[in-house]
Amino acid sequence: MIHPVFAQAAPSGSANVSAAAPSGSASVSVNATAPAAATTQYTEQPAASSASQEQQQPGMKDGLMGMAPFIIIVVVMFYLMYRGQKKEQKRRQEMIDGVKKGDTVLTIGGIYGEIVEIHDDRFILKVADGVKIAVAKTAISTTPGKNEGEKAEKK
């Protein structure tokens, strides 16, 4: 007996039945015109070909090409930020190395003082009569007297 889902009633009492294998690699077609005379035909269908896989790869390449401008912009931004930071760090190190006794400096805490002594890792600042403090070399923000002179020279 033919299952009603697979059978299609033909006008002359014949039935056409088609079924596909679960893997999609072969299909079976049955043409029954009478109960005694049933014929079966097997047709092979190729499995998923490598051509369809090759067609998917250009789509991925297009996606990467679409992202290329964004990647380039990010790389350029990081380069410019890194370069600017290195320039500032170099300028600051030169300023700290160029400080000598008697220079007036401003610390990052906002304290003005005159350099009295220079050690390997710190300065001794005179902030008032009889008041000396030790600060790390990296705590020096600017040298106000020197910076004004440099700005006037640049103009």
C-alpha atoms as a PDB file:
ATOM      1  CA  MET A   1       0.000   0.000   0.000  1.00  0.00           C
ATOM      2  CA  ILE A   2       1.294   3.494  -0.854  1.00  0.00           C
ATOM      3  CA  HIS A   3       1.435   6.012   1.938  1.00  0.00           C
ATOM      4  CA  PRO A   4      -0.925   8.931   1.290  1.00  0.00           C
ATOM      5  CA  VAL A   5       1.839  11.513   1.814  1.00  0.00           C
ATOM      6  CA  PHE A   6       3.962  10.116  -1.019  1.00  0.00           C
ATOM      7  CA  ALA A   7       1.190   9.138  -3.407  1.00  0.00           C
ATOM      8  CA  GLN A   8      -0.397  11.401  -5.927  1.00  0.00           C
ATOM      9  CA  ALA A   9      -3.544  10.142  -7.534  1.00  0.00           C
ATOM     10  CA  ALA A  10      -3.353  10.082 -11.300  1.00  0.00           C
ATOM     11  CA  PRO A  11      -6.532  10.311 -13.391  1.00  0.00           C
ATOM     12  CA  SER A  12      -6.263   6.787 -14.827  1.00  0.00           C
ATOM     13  CA  GLY A  13      -5.775   5.084 -11.489  1.00  0.00           C
ATOM     14  CA  SER A  14      -2.008   5.200 -11.631  1.00  0.00           C
ATOM     15  CA  ALA A  15       0.197   6.558  -8.834  1.00  0.00           C
ATOM     16  CA  ASN A  16       3.517   8.397  -9.003  1.00  0.00           C
ATOM     17  CA  VAL A  17       5.732   8.116  -5.948  1.00  0.00           C
ATOM     18  CA  SER A  18       9.012   9.944  -5.418  1.00  0.00           C
ATOM     19  CA  ALA A  19      11.281   9.753  -2.411  1.00  0.00           C
ATOM     20  CA  ALA A  20      14.711  11.167  -1.715  1.00  0.00           C
ATOM     21  CA  ALA A  21      17.334   9.508   0.426  1.00  0.00           C
ATOM     22  CA  PRO A  22      18.132  11.356   3.652  1.00  0.00           C
ATOM     23  CA  SER A  23      21.645  12.259   2.482  1.00  0.00           C
ATOM     24  CA  GLY A  24      20.333  13.811  -0.703  1.00  0.00           C
ATOM     25  CA  SER A  25      22.599  11.633  -2.848  1.00  0.00           C
ATOM     26  CA  ALA A  26      20.023   9.392  -4.528  1.00  0.00           C
ATOM     27  CA  SER A  27      16.329   9.487  -5.255  1.00  0.00           C
ATOM     28  CA  VAL A  28      13.842   6.783  -6.083  1.00  0.00           C
ATOM     29  CA  SER A  29      10.928   7.255  -8.448  1.00  0.00           C
ATOM     30  CA  VAL A  30       8.154   4.688  -8.769  1.00  0.00           C
ATOM     31  CA  ASN A  31       5.559   4.869 -11.518  1.00  0.00           C
ATOM     32  CA  ALA A  32       2.717   2.456 -10.941  1.00  0.00           C
ATOM     33  CA  THR A  33       0.004   2.344 -13.564  1.00  0.00           C
ATOM     34  CA  ALA A  34      -1.419  -0.910 -12.324  1.00  0.00           C
ATOM     35  CA  PRO A  35      -0.813  -2.929  -9.203  1.00  0.00           C
ATOM     36  CA  ALA A  36       1.046  -5.645 -11.096  1.00  0.00           C
ATOM     37  CA  ALA A  37       3.102  -3.418 -13.395  1.00  0.00           C
ATOM     38  CA  ALA A  38       5.268  -1.216 -11.224  1.00  0.00           C
ATOM     39  CA  THR A  39       8.553   0.163 -12.491  1.00  0.00           C
ATOM     40  CA  THR A  40      11.337   1.634 -10.396  1.00  0.00           C
ATOM     41  CA  GLN A  41      13.903   4.149 -11.607  1.00  0.00           C
ATOM     42  CA  TYR A  42      17.001   5.146  -9.670  1.00  0.00           C
ATOM     43  CA  THR A  43      18.615   8.459 -10.433  1.00  0.00           C
ATOM     44  CA  GLU A  44      21.901   9.558  -8.921  1.00  0.00           C
ATOM     45  CA  GLN A  45      22.278  13.128  -7.789  1.00  0.00           C
ATOM     46  CA  PRO A  46      25.759  14.440  -7.061  1.00  0.00           C
ATOM     47  CA  ALA A  47      26.535  15.334  -3.464  1.00  0.00           C
ATOM     48  CA  ALA A  48      27.469  18.899  -2.574  1.00  0.00           C
ATOM     49  CA  SER A  49      30.200  19.757  -5.057  1.00  0.00           C
ATOM     50  CA  SER A  50      33.395  21.625  -4.386  1.00  0.00           C
ATOM     51  CA  ALA A  51      32.209  24.294  -6.837  1.00  0.00           C
ATOM     52  CA  SER A  52      29.603  25.480  -4.349  1.00  0.00           C
ATOM     53  CA  GLN A  53      32.286  25.701  -1.672  1.00  0.00           C
ATOM     54  CA  GLU A  54      34.473  27.773  -3.982  1.00  0.00           C
ATOM     55  CA  GLN A  55      31.570  30.130  -4.544  1.00  0.00           C
ATOM     56  CA  GLN A  56      31.339  30.783  -0.808  1.00  0.00           C
ATOM     57  CA  GLN A  57      34.984  31.802  -0.424  1.00  0.00           C
ATOM     58  CA  PRO A  58      34.827  34.952  -2.580  1.00  0.00           C
ATOM     59  CA  GLY A  59      32.069  36.197  -0.302  1.00  0.00           C
ATOM     60  CA  MET A  60      34.414  35.966   2.657  1.00  0.00           C
ATOM     61  CA  LYS A  61      37.106  37.798   0.711  1.00  0.00           C
ATOM     62  CA  ASP A  62      34.633  40.553  -0.132  1.00  0.00           C
ATOM     63  CA  GLY A  63      33.871  40.902   3.564  1.00  0.00           C
ATOM     64  CA  LEU A  64      37.548  41.299   4.405  1.00  0.00           C
ATOM     65  CA  MET A  65      38.026  43.792   1.607  1.00  0.00           C
ATOM     66  CA  GLY A  66      35.109  45.783   2.962  1.00  0.00           C
ATOM     67  CA  MET A  67      36.769  45.892   6.362  1.00  0.00           C
ATOM     68  CA  ALA A  68      40.197  46.871   4.986  1.00  0.00           C
ATOM     69  CA  PRO A  69      39.640  50.673   5.192  1.00  0.00           C
ATOM     70  CA  PHE A  70      38.622  50.394   8.850  1.00  0.00           C
ATOM     71  CA  ILE A  71      41.651  48.261   9.650  1.00  0.00           C
ATOM     72  CA  ILE A  72      43.952  50.737   7.893  1.00  0.00           C
ATOM     73  CA  ILE A  73      42.418  53.674   9.791  1.00  0.00           C
ATOM     74  CA  VAL A  74      42.901  51.915  13.136  1.00  0.00           C
ATOM     75  CA  VAL A  75      46.541  51.104  12.327  1.00  0.00           C
ATOM     76  CA  VAL A  76      47.248  54.716  11.293  1.00  0.00           C
ATOM     77  CA  MET A  77      45.592  56.064  14.458  1.00  0.00           C
ATOM     78  CA  PHE A  78      47.679  53.801  16.692  1.00  0.00           C
ATOM     79  CA  TYR A  79      50.836  54.808  14.816  1.00  0.00           C
ATOM     80  CA  LEU A  80      50.109  58.520  15.205  1.00  0.00           C
ATOM     81  CA  MET A  81      49.273  58.173  18.891  1.00  0.00           C
ATOM     82  CA  TYR A  82      52.403  56.106  19.549  1.00  0.00           C
ATOM     83  CA  ARG A  83      54.585  58.553  17.638  1.00  0.00           C
ATOM     84  CA  GLY A  84      53.136  61.565  19.476  1.00  0.00           C
ATOM     85  CA  GLN A  85      53.597  59.902  22.834  1.00  0.00           C
ATOM     86  CA  LYS A  86      57.238  59.056  22.041  1.00  0.00           C
ATOM     87  CA  LYS A  87      57.928  62.660  20.986  1.00  0.00           C
ATOM     88  CA  GLU A  88      56.419  64.016  24.194  1.00  0.00           C
ATOM     89  CA  GLN A  89      58.326  61.502  26.320  1.00  0.00           C
ATOM     90  CA  LYS A  90      61.594  62.438  24.592  1.00  0.00           C
ATOM     91  CA  ARG A  91      60.949  66.182  25.066  1.00  0.00           C
ATOM     92  CA  ARG A  92      60.146  65.640  28.745  1.00  0.00           C
ATOM     93  CA  GLN A  93      63.287  63.544  29.328  1.00  0.00           C
ATOM     94  CA  GLU A  94      65.425  66.238  27.659  1.00  0.00           C
ATOM     95  CA  MET A  95      63.811  68.869  29.898  1.00  0.00           C
ATOM     96  CA  ILE A  96      64.533  66.850  33.059  1.00  0.00           C
ATOM     97  CA  ASP A  97      68.116  66.136  31.953  1.00  0.00           C
ATOM     98  CA  GLY A  98      68.663  69.850  31.187  1.00  0.00           C
ATOM     99  CA  VAL A  99      67.663  71.072  34.650  1.00  0.00           C
ATOM    100  CA  LYS A 100      70.566  72.383  36.761  1.00  0.00           C
ATOM    101  CA  LYS A 101      71.100  73.993  40.168  1.00  0.00           C
ATOM    102  CA  GLY A 102      69.392  77.337  40.560  1.00  0.00           C
ATOM    103  CA  ASP A 103      66.587  76.608  38.047  1.00  0.00           C
ATOM    104  CA  THR A 104      63.011  77.261  39.098  1.00  0.00           C
ATOM    105  CA  VAL A 105      60.706  74.325  38.496  1.00  0.00           C
ATOM    106  CA  LEU A 106      57.038  73.456  38.886  1.00  0.00           C
ATOM    107  CA  THR A 107      56.165  70.019  40.233  1.00  0.00           C
ATOM    108  CA  ILE A 108      53.167  67.989  39.105  1.00  0.00           C
ATOM    109  CA  GLY A 109      51.661  68.759  42.528  1.00  0.00           C
ATOM    110  CA  GLY A 110      51.749  72.503  41.759  1.00  0.00           C
ATOM    111  CA  ILE A 111      54.696  73.414  44.012  1.00  0.00           C
ATOM    112  CA  TYR A 112      57.203  75.973  42.739  1.00  0.00           C
ATOM    113  CA  GLY A 113      60.756  75.616  43.957  1.00  0.00           C
ATOM    114  CA  GLU A 114      64.371  76.295  43.194  1.00  0.00           C
ATOM    115  CA  ILE A 115      66.692  73.337  42.679  1.00  0.00           C
ATOM    116  CA  VAL A 116      69.354  73.216  45.394  1.00  0.00           C
ATOM    117  CA  GLU A 117      70.779  69.715  44.938  1.00  0.00           C
ATOM    118  CA  ILE A 118      70.628  67.088  42.178  1.00  0.00           C
ATOM    119  CA  HIS A 119      70.799  63.363  42.956  1.00  0.00           C
ATOM    120  CA  ASP A 120      70.467  60.323  40.663  1.00  0.00           C
ATOM    121  CA  ASP A 121      66.727  59.881  41.102  1.00  0.00           C
ATOM    122  CA  ARG A 122      65.563  63.068  42.849  1.00  0.00           C
ATOM    123  CA  PHE A 123      65.936  66.826  43.233  1.00  0.00           C
ATOM    124  CA  ILE A 124      66.105  68.822  46.465  1.00  0.00           C
ATOM    125  CA  LEU A 125      63.935  71.920  46.072  1.00  0.00           C
ATOM    126  CA  LYS A 126      63.954  75.082  48.145  1.00  0.00           C
ATOM    127  CA  VAL A 127      60.303  76.138  48.392  1.00  0.00           C
ATOM    128  CA  ALA A 128      60.695  78.834  51.064  1.00  0.00           C
ATOM    129  CA  ASP A 129      63.390  80.238  53.342  1.00  0.00           C
ATOM    130  CA  GLY A 130      64.676  77.275  55.345  1.00  0.00           C
ATOM    131  CA  VAL A 131      62.207  74.803  53.741  1.00  0.00           C
ATOM    132  CA  LYS A 132      63.630  72.121  51.454  1.00  0.00           C
ATOM    133  CA  ILE A 133      61.809  69.142  50.003  1.00  0.00           C
ATOM    134  CA  ALA A 134      62.965  66.142  48.026  1.00  0.00           C
ATOM    135  CA  VAL A 135      60.987  65.265  44.889  1.00  0.00           C
ATOM    136  CA  ALA A 136      61.438  62.551  42.285  1.00  0.00           C
ATOM    137  CA  LYS A 137      62.873  63.674  38.977  1.00  0.00           C
ATOM    138  CA  THR A 138      59.712  62.470  37.258  1.00  0.00           C
ATOM    139  CA  ALA A 139      57.663  64.812  39.490  1.00  0.00           C
ATOM    140  CA  ILE A 140      58.978  67.874  37.656  1.00  0.00           C
ATOM    141  CA  SER A 141      56.280  69.190  35.340  1.00  0.00           C
ATOM    142  CA  THR A 142      57.880  72.241  33.749  1.00  0.00           C
ATOM    143  CA  THR A 143      60.653  74.755  34.132  1.00  0.00           C
ATOM    144  CA  PRO A 144      58.708  78.042  33.927  1.00  0.00           C
ATOM    145  CA  GLY A 145      61.676  80.347  33.338  1.00  0.00           C
ATOM    146  CA  LYS A 146      63.152  78.191  30.561  1.00  0.00           C
ATOM    147  CA  ASN A 147      59.848  77.486  28.801  1.00  0.00           C
ATOM    148  CA  GLU A 148      59.088  81.227  28.447  1.00  0.00           C
ATOM    149  CA  GLY A 149      62.519  81.781  26.901  1.00  0.00           C
ATOM    150  CA  GLU A 150      62.031  78.879  24.467  1.00  0.00           C
ATOM    151  CA  LYS A 151      58.599  80.173  23.421  1.00  0.00           C
ATOM    152  CA  ALA A 152      60.053  83.636  22.725  1.00  0.00           C
ATOM    153  CA  GLU A 153      62.836  82.087  20.604  1.00  0.00           C
ATOM    154  CA  LYS A 154      60.338  80.106  18.505  1.00  0.00           C
ATOM    155  CA  LYS A 155      58.384  83.265  17.625  1.00  0.00           C
END
